[in-house]
Amino acid sequence: MIDEVRLAAAHDGEAELVVMLRFPNGGRARVPLDDVAARHLFDACGASEPDALLGRSWEPVRDALAAASARFLSSNPGDVP
């Protein structure tokens, strides 16, 4: 589940949302989300502020990453995003 949410600066200086996931086995993972992934996560969770993400499942985070990555896929291999 989402255990912590904060804003951070990405390597390019852009803001990113960083969520900390806590798993049932005690493991933790820090996941940075760019603006596209963060928007998808907020929409998927019906959240309007970061604190509303706390306690949510990790699955929407996975889906947000997939949605953000999909913007770089092209049906034409010669296309460059």
C-alpha atoms as a PDB file:
ATOM      1  CA  MET A   1       0.000   0.000   0.000  1.00  0.00           C
ATOM      2  CA  ILE A   2       1.001   3.639  -0.377  1.00  0.00           C
ATOM      3  CA  ASP A   3       2.678   4.520   2.896  1.00  0.00           C
ATOM      4  CA  GLU A   4       4.172   7.945   2.149  1.00  0.00           C
ATOM      5  CA  VAL A   5       3.844  10.626  -0.535  1.00  0.00           C
ATOM      6  CA  ARG A   6       6.139  13.580  -1.171  1.00  0.00           C
ATOM      7  CA  LEU A   7       7.303  15.933  -3.889  1.00  0.00           C
ATOM      8  CA  ALA A   8      10.880  15.831  -5.103  1.00  0.00           C
ATOM      9  CA  ALA A   9      13.043  17.192  -7.899  1.00  0.00           C
ATOM     10  CA  ALA A  10      13.836  14.766 -10.691  1.00  0.00           C
ATOM     11  CA  HIS A  11      17.295  14.600 -12.254  1.00  0.00           C
ATOM     12  CA  ASP A  12      16.169  17.142 -14.887  1.00  0.00           C
ATOM     13  CA  GLY A  13      14.916  19.566 -12.234  1.00  0.00           C
ATOM     14  CA  GLU A  14      11.238  18.881 -12.933  1.00  0.00           C
ATOM     15  CA  ALA A  15       8.972  18.105  -9.998  1.00  0.00           C
ATOM     16  CA  GLU A  16       7.939  14.514  -9.451  1.00  0.00           C
ATOM     17  CA  LEU A  17       5.682  12.747  -7.007  1.00  0.00           C
ATOM     18  CA  VAL A  18       7.458  10.087  -4.971  1.00  0.00           C
ATOM     19  CA  VAL A  19       5.347   7.390  -3.344  1.00  0.00           C
ATOM     20  CA  MET A  20       6.663   4.900  -0.816  1.00  0.00           C
ATOM     21  CA  LEU A  21       5.045   1.496  -1.084  1.00  0.00           C
ATOM     22  CA  ARG A  22       4.917  -0.863   1.890  1.00  0.00           C
ATOM     23  CA  PHE A  23       4.311  -4.540   1.223  1.00  0.00           C
ATOM     24  CA  PRO A  24       2.808  -7.160   3.556  1.00  0.00           C
ATOM     25  CA  ASN A  25       6.217  -8.832   3.983  1.00  0.00           C
ATOM     26  CA  GLY A  26       7.661  -5.571   5.354  1.00  0.00           C
ATOM     27  CA  GLY A  27       9.432  -4.605   2.152  1.00  0.00           C
ATOM     28  CA  ARG A  28       9.358  -1.012   0.991  1.00  0.00           C
ATOM     29  CA  ALA A  29       9.879   0.561  -2.418  1.00  0.00           C
ATOM     30  CA  ARG A  30      10.243   4.205  -3.382  1.00  0.00           C
ATOM     31  CA  VAL A  31       8.573   4.939  -6.732  1.00  0.00           C
ATOM     32  CA  PRO A  32       9.071   8.279  -8.518  1.00  0.00           C
ATOM     33  CA  LEU A  33       6.221   9.367 -10.812  1.00  0.00           C
ATOM     34  CA  ASP A  34       6.479  12.034 -13.481  1.00  0.00           C
ATOM     35  CA  ASP A  35       3.601  14.447 -14.057  1.00  0.00           C
ATOM     36  CA  VAL A  36       1.780  12.115 -16.470  1.00  0.00           C
ATOM     37  CA  ALA A  37       1.990   9.141 -14.111  1.00  0.00           C
ATOM     38  CA  ALA A  38       1.055  11.293 -11.099  1.00  0.00           C
ATOM     39  CA  ARG A  39      -2.016  12.653 -12.904  1.00  0.00           C
ATOM     40  CA  HIS A  40      -3.063   9.116 -13.820  1.00  0.00           C
ATOM     41  CA  LEU A  41      -2.628   7.975 -10.205  1.00  0.00           C
ATOM     42  CA  PHE A  42      -4.684  10.853  -8.816  1.00  0.00           C
ATOM     43  CA  ASP A  43      -7.442  10.218 -11.374  1.00  0.00           C
ATOM     44  CA  ALA A  44      -7.457   6.456 -10.785  1.00  0.00           C
ATOM     45  CA  CYS A  45      -7.762   6.957  -7.025  1.00  0.00           C
ATOM     46  CA  GLY A  46     -10.250   9.828  -7.248  1.00  0.00           C
ATOM     47  CA  ALA A  47      -7.803  11.883  -5.201  1.00  0.00           C
ATOM     48  CA  SER A  48      -7.340  15.633  -5.286  1.00  0.00           C
ATOM     49  CA  GLU A  49      -4.454  15.890  -2.823  1.00  0.00           C
ATOM     50  CA  PRO A  50      -1.425  13.719  -1.994  1.00  0.00           C
ATOM     51  CA  ASP A  51      -2.655  12.705   1.470  1.00  0.00           C
ATOM     52  CA  ALA A  52      -5.709  11.100  -0.159  1.00  0.00           C
ATOM     53  CA  LEU A  53      -3.361   8.518  -1.695  1.00  0.00           C
ATOM     54  CA  LEU A  54      -2.182   7.183   1.674  1.00  0.00           C
ATOM     55  CA  GLY A  55      -3.362   3.654   2.391  1.00  0.00           C
ATOM     56  CA  ARG A  56      -4.222   2.949  -1.251  1.00  0.00           C
ATOM     57  CA  SER A  57      -3.152  -0.237  -2.980  1.00  0.00           C
ATOM     58  CA  TRP A  58       0.040  -0.436  -5.027  1.00  0.00           C
ATOM     59  CA  GLU A  59      -1.886  -1.524  -8.159  1.00  0.00           C
ATOM     60  CA  PRO A  60      -2.885   2.022  -9.209  1.00  0.00           C
ATOM     61  CA  VAL A  61       0.807   2.987  -8.965  1.00  0.00           C
ATOM     62  CA  ARG A  62       1.696   0.129 -11.331  1.00  0.00           C
ATOM     63  CA  ASP A  63      -1.089   1.171 -13.693  1.00  0.00           C
ATOM     64  CA  ALA A  64       0.016   4.816 -13.588  1.00  0.00           C
ATOM     65  CA  LEU A  65       3.559   3.829 -14.561  1.00  0.00           C
ATOM     66  CA  ALA A  66       2.232   1.694 -17.414  1.00  0.00           C
ATOM     67  CA  ALA A  67      -0.007   4.507 -18.672  1.00  0.00           C
ATOM     68  CA  ALA A  68       2.837   7.028 -18.547  1.00  0.00           C
ATOM     69  CA  SER A  69       5.176   4.650 -20.392  1.00  0.00           C
ATOM     70  CA  ALA A  70       2.569   3.921 -23.052  1.00  0.00           C
ATOM     71  CA  ARG A  71       2.824   7.488 -24.346  1.00  0.00           C
ATOM     72  CA  PHE A  72       6.228   6.561 -25.781  1.00  0.00           C
ATOM     73  CA  LEU A  73       4.924   3.529 -27.692  1.00  0.00           C
ATOM     74  CA  SER A  74       4.204   3.858 -31.359  1.00  0.00           C
ATOM     75  CA  SER A  75       2.435   1.603 -33.813  1.00  0.00           C
ATOM     76  CA  ASN A  76       4.995   2.686 -36.419  1.00  0.00           C
ATOM     77  CA  PRO A  77       8.556   1.653 -35.440  1.00  0.00           C
ATOM     78  CA  GLY A  78       9.969   4.538 -37.507  1.00  0.00           C
ATOM     79  CA  ASP A  79       8.148   7.153 -35.461  1.00  0.00           C
ATOM     80  CA  VAL A  80      10.170   8.984 -32.850  1.00  0.00           C
ATOM     81  CA  PRO A  81       8.219  10.382 -29.885  1.00  0.00           C
END
